[in-house]
Structures are given as structure tokens and as C-alpha cells.
């Protein structure tokens, strides 16, 4: 893998780890709330995140 991909992976891990590091109770409540959502809602959220990620990556390329 190129250095850029490793750096991107590192940033993703940092972003994912900040929530449980700073506010574990709030993070747990958010995960519980997400797990209670129907599959269609989760797919919509996931799709929006993917589109946002592609737009951000495209803007910086």
C-alpha cells in the first residue's frame, strides 16, 4: 500500500477512536440508538457517509 493509504487509514482510526475515548457513555448510547434503527435507515446513513467521503476525497485529489 502506498503511504497515502496508510495515512488515510490512520486518520480514520483516529476519528473512530475519539468518540469512545472522550465520551464513552455517550458513544455507547449512540451505538445503542443506531442498533435500534431499521435496516433501511442504516443503509441510508451508510450511503450518505460513503457519498460524503467520496466528495471529500474528490475535492482533495
PDB file of N, CA and C in Angstrom:
ATOM      1  N   UNK A   1       0.842  -1.180   0.000  1.00  0.00           N
ATOM      2  CA  UNK A   1       0.000   0.000   0.000  1.00  0.00           C
ATOM      3  C   UNK A   1       0.881   1.235   0.000  1.00  0.00           C
ATOM      4  N   UNK A   2       0.393   2.267  -0.640  1.00  0.00           N
ATOM      5  CA  UNK A   2       1.174   3.498  -0.657  1.00  0.00           C
ATOM      6  C   UNK A   2       1.071   4.215   0.688  1.00  0.00           C
ATOM      7  N   UNK A   3       1.968   5.151   0.897  1.00  0.00           N
ATOM      8  CA  UNK A   3       1.962   5.909   2.147  1.00  0.00           C
ATOM      9  C   UNK A   3       0.665   6.674   2.349  1.00  0.00           C
ATOM     10  N   UNK A   4       0.076   7.168   1.266  1.00  0.00           N
ATOM     11  CA  UNK A   4      -1.166   7.936   1.379  1.00  0.00           C
ATOM     12  C   UNK A   4      -2.296   7.091   1.953  1.00  0.00           C
ATOM     13  N   UNK A   5      -2.378   5.839   1.535  1.00  0.00           N
ATOM     14  CA  UNK A   5      -3.428   4.975   2.060  1.00  0.00           C
ATOM     15  C   UNK A   5      -3.218   4.666   3.534  1.00  0.00           C
ATOM     16  N   UNK A   6      -1.965   4.457   3.943  1.00  0.00           N
ATOM     17  CA  UNK A   6      -1.682   4.220   5.351  1.00  0.00           C
ATOM     18  C   UNK A   6      -2.024   5.448   6.190  1.00  0.00           C
ATOM     19  N   UNK A   7      -1.705   6.631   5.668  1.00  0.00           N
ATOM     20  CA  UNK A   7      -2.031   7.875   6.378  1.00  0.00           C
ATOM     21  C   UNK A   7      -3.536   8.028   6.492  1.00  0.00           C
ATOM     22  N   UNK A   8      -4.264   7.747   5.405  1.00  0.00           N
ATOM     23  CA  UNK A   8      -5.724   7.835   5.428  1.00  0.00           C
ATOM     24  C   UNK A   8      -6.306   6.853   6.436  1.00  0.00           C
ATOM     25  N   UNK A   9      -5.787   5.633   6.468  1.00  0.00           N
ATOM     26  CA  UNK A   9      -6.255   4.643   7.428  1.00  0.00           C
ATOM     27  C   UNK A   9      -5.994   5.114   8.857  1.00  0.00           C
ATOM     28  N   UNK A  10      -4.833   5.700   9.077  1.00  0.00           N
ATOM     29  CA  UNK A  10      -4.521   6.250  10.401  1.00  0.00           C
ATOM     30  C   UNK A  10      -5.503   7.328  10.815  1.00  0.00           C
ATOM     31  N   UNK A  11      -5.844   8.225   9.897  1.00  0.00           N
ATOM     32  CA  UNK A  11      -6.810   9.282  10.212  1.00  0.00           C
ATOM     33  C   UNK A  11      -8.189   8.711  10.504  1.00  0.00           C
ATOM     34  N   UNK A  12      -8.583   7.684   9.768  1.00  0.00           N
ATOM     35  CA  UNK A  12      -9.879   7.042  10.025  1.00  0.00           C
ATOM     36  C   UNK A  12      -9.888   6.427  11.421  1.00  0.00           C
ATOM     37  N   UNK A  13      -8.820   5.745  11.788  1.00  0.00           N
ATOM     38  CA  UNK A  13      -8.753   5.145  13.111  1.00  0.00           C
ATOM     39  C   UNK A  13      -8.765   6.204  14.213  1.00  0.00           C
ATOM     40  N   UNK A  14      -8.090   7.314  13.981  1.00  0.00           N
ATOM     41  CA  UNK A  14      -8.115   8.413  14.957  1.00  0.00           C
ATOM     42  C   UNK A  14      -9.527   8.947  15.105  1.00  0.00           C
ATOM     43  N   UNK A  15     -10.195   9.204  13.969  1.00  0.00           N
ATOM     44  CA  UNK A  15     -11.552   9.747  14.007  1.00  0.00           C
ATOM     45  C   UNK A  15     -12.516   8.779  14.685  1.00  0.00           C
ATOM     46  N   UNK A  16     -12.361   7.488  14.423  1.00  0.00           N
ATOM     47  CA  UNK A  16     -13.243   6.487  15.027  1.00  0.00           C
ATOM     48  C   UNK A  16     -12.968   6.325  16.516  1.00  0.00           C
ATOM     49  N   UNK A  17     -11.755   6.551  16.956  1.00  0.00           N
ATOM     50  CA  UNK A  17     -11.404   6.345  18.352  1.00  0.00           C
ATOM     51  C   UNK A  17     -11.678   7.528  19.260  1.00  0.00           C
ATOM     52  N   UNK A  18     -11.883   8.703  18.693  1.00  0.00           N
ATOM     53  CA  UNK A  18     -12.091   9.898  19.519  1.00  0.00           C
ATOM     54  C   UNK A  18     -13.372   9.800  20.340  1.00  0.00           C
ATOM     55  N   UNK A  19     -14.455   9.306  19.737  1.00  0.00           N
ATOM     56  CA  UNK A  19     -15.735   9.203  20.454  1.00  0.00           C
ATOM     57  C   UNK A  19     -15.657   8.375  21.719  1.00  0.00           C
ATOM     58  N   UNK A  20     -15.252   7.095  21.621  1.00  0.00           N
ATOM     59  CA  UNK A  20     -15.183   6.294  22.846  1.00  0.00           C
ATOM     60  C   UNK A  20     -14.103   6.757  23.823  1.00  0.00           C
ATOM     61  N   UNK A  21     -13.069   7.443  23.330  1.00  0.00           N
ATOM     62  CA  UNK A  21     -12.024   7.942  24.210  1.00  0.00           C
ATOM     63  C   UNK A  21     -12.525   9.103  25.063  1.00  0.00           C
ATOM     64  N   UNK A  22     -13.218  10.040  24.438  1.00  0.00           N
ATOM     65  CA  UNK A  22     -13.641  11.261  25.133  1.00  0.00           C
ATOM     66  C   UNK A  22     -14.948  11.079  25.902  1.00  0.00           C
ATOM     67  N   UNK A  23     -15.925  10.410  25.290  1.00  0.00           N
ATOM     68  CA  UNK A  23     -17.243  10.272  25.910  1.00  0.00           C
ATOM     69  C   UNK A  23     -17.756   8.842  25.743  1.00  0.00           C
ATOM     70  N   UNK A  24     -17.244   7.906  26.525  1.00  0.00           N
ATOM     71  CA  UNK A  24     -17.653   6.510  26.335  1.00  0.00           C
ATOM     72  C   UNK A  24     -19.147   6.259  26.578  1.00  0.00           C
ATOM     73  N   UNK A  25     -19.741   6.945  27.550  1.00  0.00           N
ATOM     74  CA  UNK A  25     -21.174   6.740  27.808  1.00  0.00           C
ATOM     75  C   UNK A  25     -22.019   7.263  26.657  1.00  0.00           C
ATOM     76  N   UNK A  26     -21.680   8.432  26.164  1.00  0.00           N
ATOM     77  CA  UNK A  26     -22.408   8.996  25.026  1.00  0.00           C
ATOM     78  C   UNK A  26     -22.225   8.168  23.774  1.00  0.00           C
ATOM     79  N   UNK A  27     -21.021   7.649  23.576  1.00  0.00           N
ATOM     80  CA  UNK A  27     -20.745   6.802  22.422  1.00  0.00           C
ATOM     81  C   UNK A  27     -21.557   5.517  22.503  1.00  0.00           C
ATOM     82  N   UNK A  28     -21.617   4.933  23.688  1.00  0.00           N
ATOM     83  CA  UNK A  28     -22.386   3.704  23.878  1.00  0.00           C
ATOM     84  C   UNK A  28     -23.871   3.959  23.612  1.00  0.00           C
ATOM     85  N   UNK A  29     -24.388   5.100  24.086  1.00  0.00           N
ATOM     86  CA  UNK A  29     -25.796   5.439  23.849  1.00  0.00           C
ATOM     87  C   UNK A  29     -26.060   5.628  22.356  1.00  0.00           C
ATOM     88  N   UNK A  30     -25.120   6.254  21.650  1.00  0.00           N
ATOM     89  CA  UNK A  30     -25.290   6.460  20.213  1.00  0.00           C
ATOM     90  C   UNK A  30     -25.300   5.120  19.480  1.00  0.00           C
ATOM     91  N   UNK A  31     -24.411   4.206  19.856  1.00  0.00           N
ATOM     92  CA  UNK A  31     -24.366   2.889  19.215  1.00  0.00           C
ATOM     93  C   UNK A  31     -25.655   2.123  19.504  1.00  0.00           C
ATOM     94  N   UNK A  32     -26.165   2.223  20.724  1.00  0.00           N
ATOM     95  CA  UNK A  32     -27.427   1.556  21.059  1.00  0.00           C
ATOM     96  C   UNK A  32     -28.575   2.132  20.236  1.00  0.00           C
ATOM     97  N   UNK A  33     -28.590   3.438  20.071  1.00  0.00           N
ATOM     98  CA  UNK A  33     -29.631   4.090  19.263  1.00  0.00           C
ATOM     99  C   UNK A  33     -29.534   3.653  17.805  1.00  0.00           C
ATOM    100  N   UNK A  34     -28.319   3.588  17.276  1.00  0.00           N
ATOM    101  CA  UNK A  34     -28.147   3.136  15.895  1.00  0.00           C
ATOM    102  C   UNK A  34     -28.577   1.689  15.714  1.00  0.00           C
ATOM    103  N   UNK A  35     -28.288   0.842  16.689  1.00  0.00           N
ATOM    104  CA  UNK A  35     -28.653  -0.569  16.553  1.00  0.00           C
ATOM    105  C   UNK A  35     -30.157  -0.776  16.604  1.00  0.00           C
ATOM    106  N   UNK A  36     -30.882   0.193  17.137  1.00  0.00           N
ATOM    107  CA  UNK A  36     -32.339   0.086  17.198  1.00  0.00           C
ATOM    108  C   UNK A  36     -33.006   0.556  15.899  1.00  0.00           C
ATOM    109  N   UNK A  37     -32.244   1.151  14.994  1.00  0.00           N
ATOM    110  CA  UNK A  37     -32.802   1.662  13.742  1.00  0.00           C
ATOM    111  C   UNK A  37     -33.086   0.517  12.778  1.00  0.00           C
ATOM    112  N   UNK A  38     -34.105   0.674  11.933  1.00  0.00           N
ATOM    113  CA  UNK A  38     -34.370  -0.352  10.921  1.00  0.00           C
ATOM    114  C   UNK A  38     -33.260  -0.385   9.867  1.00  0.00           C
ATOM    115  N   UNK A  39     -33.158  -1.515   9.169  1.00  0.00           N
ATOM    116  CA  UNK A  39     -32.092  -1.704   8.184  1.00  0.00           C
ATOM    117  C   UNK A  39     -32.091  -0.626   7.109  1.00  0.00           C
ATOM    118  N   UNK A  40     -33.252  -0.234   6.636  1.00  0.00           N
ATOM    119  CA  UNK A  40     -33.308   0.795   5.588  1.00  0.00           C
ATOM    120  C   UNK A  40     -32.708   2.113   6.053  1.00  0.00           C
ATOM    121  N   UNK A  41     -32.959   2.481   7.303  1.00  0.00           N
ATOM    122  CA  UNK A  41     -32.403   3.721   7.848  1.00  0.00           C
ATOM    123  C   UNK A  41     -30.876   3.630   7.943  1.00  0.00           C
ATOM    124  N   UNK A  42     -30.376   2.475   8.376  1.00  0.00           N
ATOM    125  CA  UNK A  42     -28.923   2.290   8.470  1.00  0.00           C
ATOM    126  C   UNK A  42     -28.277   2.336   7.088  1.00  0.00           C
ATOM    127  N   UNK A  43     -28.942   1.756   6.093  1.00  0.00           N
ATOM    128  CA  UNK A  43     -28.412   1.814   4.729  1.00  0.00           C
ATOM    129  C   UNK A  43     -28.361   3.260   4.234  1.00  0.00           C
ATOM    130  N   UNK A  44     -29.387   4.024   4.539  1.00  0.00           N
ATOM    131  CA  UNK A  44     -29.423   5.427   4.127  1.00  0.00           C
ATOM    132  C   UNK A  44     -28.290   6.209   4.785  1.00  0.00           C
ATOM    133  N   UNK A  45     -28.069   5.974   6.077  1.00  0.00           N
ATOM    134  CA  UNK A  45     -26.982   6.647   6.791  1.00  0.00           C
ATOM    135  C   UNK A  45     -25.636   6.240   6.192  1.00  0.00           C
ATOM    136  N   UNK A  46     -25.450   4.936   5.973  1.00  0.00           N
ATOM    137  CA  UNK A  46     -24.207   4.453   5.381  1.00  0.00           C
ATOM    138  C   UNK A  46     -23.974   5.023   3.996  1.00  0.00           C
ATOM    139  N   UNK A  47     -25.019   5.090   3.193  1.00  0.00           N
ATOM    140  CA  UNK A  47     -24.898   5.658   1.850  1.00  0.00           C
ATOM    141  C   UNK A  47     -24.492   7.120   1.891  1.00  0.00           C
ATOM    142  N   UNK A  48     -25.087   7.876   2.806  1.00  0.00           N
ATOM    143  CA  UNK A  48     -24.725   9.290   2.941  1.00  0.00           C
ATOM    144  C   UNK A  48     -23.270   9.449   3.360  1.00  0.00           C
ATOM    145  N   UNK A  49     -22.803   8.593   4.250  1.00  0.00           N
ATOM    146  CA  UNK A  49     -21.406   8.660   4.672  1.00  0.00           C
ATOM    147  C   UNK A  49     -20.462   8.327   3.527  1.00  0.00           C
ATOM    148  N   UNK A  50     -20.822   7.331   2.734  1.00  0.00           N
ATOM    149  CA  UNK A  50     -19.983   6.966   1.590  1.00  0.00           C
ATOM    150  C   UNK A  50     -19.938   8.112   0.583  1.00  0.00           C
ATOM    151  N   UNK A  51     -21.078   8.694   0.279  1.00  0.00           N
ATOM    152  CA  UNK A  51     -21.122   9.811  -0.677  1.00  0.00           C
ATOM    153  C   UNK A  51     -20.310  10.986  -0.151  1.00  0.00           C
ATOM    154  N   UNK A  52     -20.447  11.300   1.138  1.00  0.00           N
ATOM    155  CA  UNK A  52     -19.683  12.409   1.718  1.00  0.00           C
ATOM    156  C   UNK A  52     -18.179  12.124   1.631  1.00  0.00           C
ATOM    157  N   UNK A  53     -17.783  10.899   1.907  1.00  0.00           N
ATOM    158  CA  UNK A  53     -16.366  10.534   1.809  1.00  0.00           C
ATOM    159  C   UNK A  53     -15.834  10.651   0.391  1.00  0.00           C
ATOM    160  N   UNK A  54     -16.614  10.208  -0.576  1.00  0.00           N
ATOM    161  CA  UNK A  54     -16.191  10.309  -1.981  1.00  0.00           C
ATOM    162  C   UNK A  54     -16.071  11.771  -2.395  1.00  0.00           C
ATOM    163  N   UNK A  55     -17.015  12.596  -2.003  1.00  0.00           N
ATOM    164  CA  UNK A  55     -16.970  14.025  -2.360  1.00  0.00           C
ATOM    165  C   UNK A  55     -15.740  14.681  -1.741  1.00  0.00           C
ATOM    166  N   UNK A  56     -15.479  14.387  -0.480  1.00  0.00           N
ATOM    167  CA  UNK A  56     -14.310  14.976   0.186  1.00  0.00           C
ATOM    168  C   UNK A  56     -13.025  14.514  -0.480  1.00  0.00           C
ATOM    169  N   UNK A  57     -12.915  13.204  -0.768  1.00  0.00           N
ATOM    170  CA  UNK A  57     -11.717  12.688  -1.431  1.00  0.00           C
ATOM    171  C   UNK A  57     -11.557  13.308  -2.801  1.00  0.00           C
ATOM    172  N   UNK A  58     -12.640  13.433  -3.536  1.00  0.00           N
ATOM    173  CA  UNK A  58     -12.596  14.010  -4.893  1.00  0.00           C
ATOM    174  C   UNK A  58     -12.138  15.473  -4.842  1.00  0.00           C
ATOM    175  N   UNK A  59     -12.595  16.213  -3.830  1.00  0.00           N
ATOM    176  CA  UNK A  59     -12.221  17.626  -3.705  1.00  0.00           C
ATOM    177  C   UNK A  59     -10.711  17.796  -3.472  1.00  0.00           C
ATOM    178  N   UNK A  60     -10.096  16.832  -2.816  1.00  0.00           N
ATOM    179  CA  UNK A  60      -8.685  16.965  -2.485  1.00  0.00           C
ATOM    180  C   UNK A  60      -7.751  16.251  -3.446  1.00  0.00           C
ATOM    181  N   UNK A  61      -8.291  15.629  -4.478  1.00  0.00           N
ATOM    182  CA  UNK A  61      -7.440  14.975  -5.467  1.00  0.00           C
ATOM    183  C   UNK A  61      -7.066  15.909  -6.598  1.00  0.00           C
TER     184      UNK A  61
END
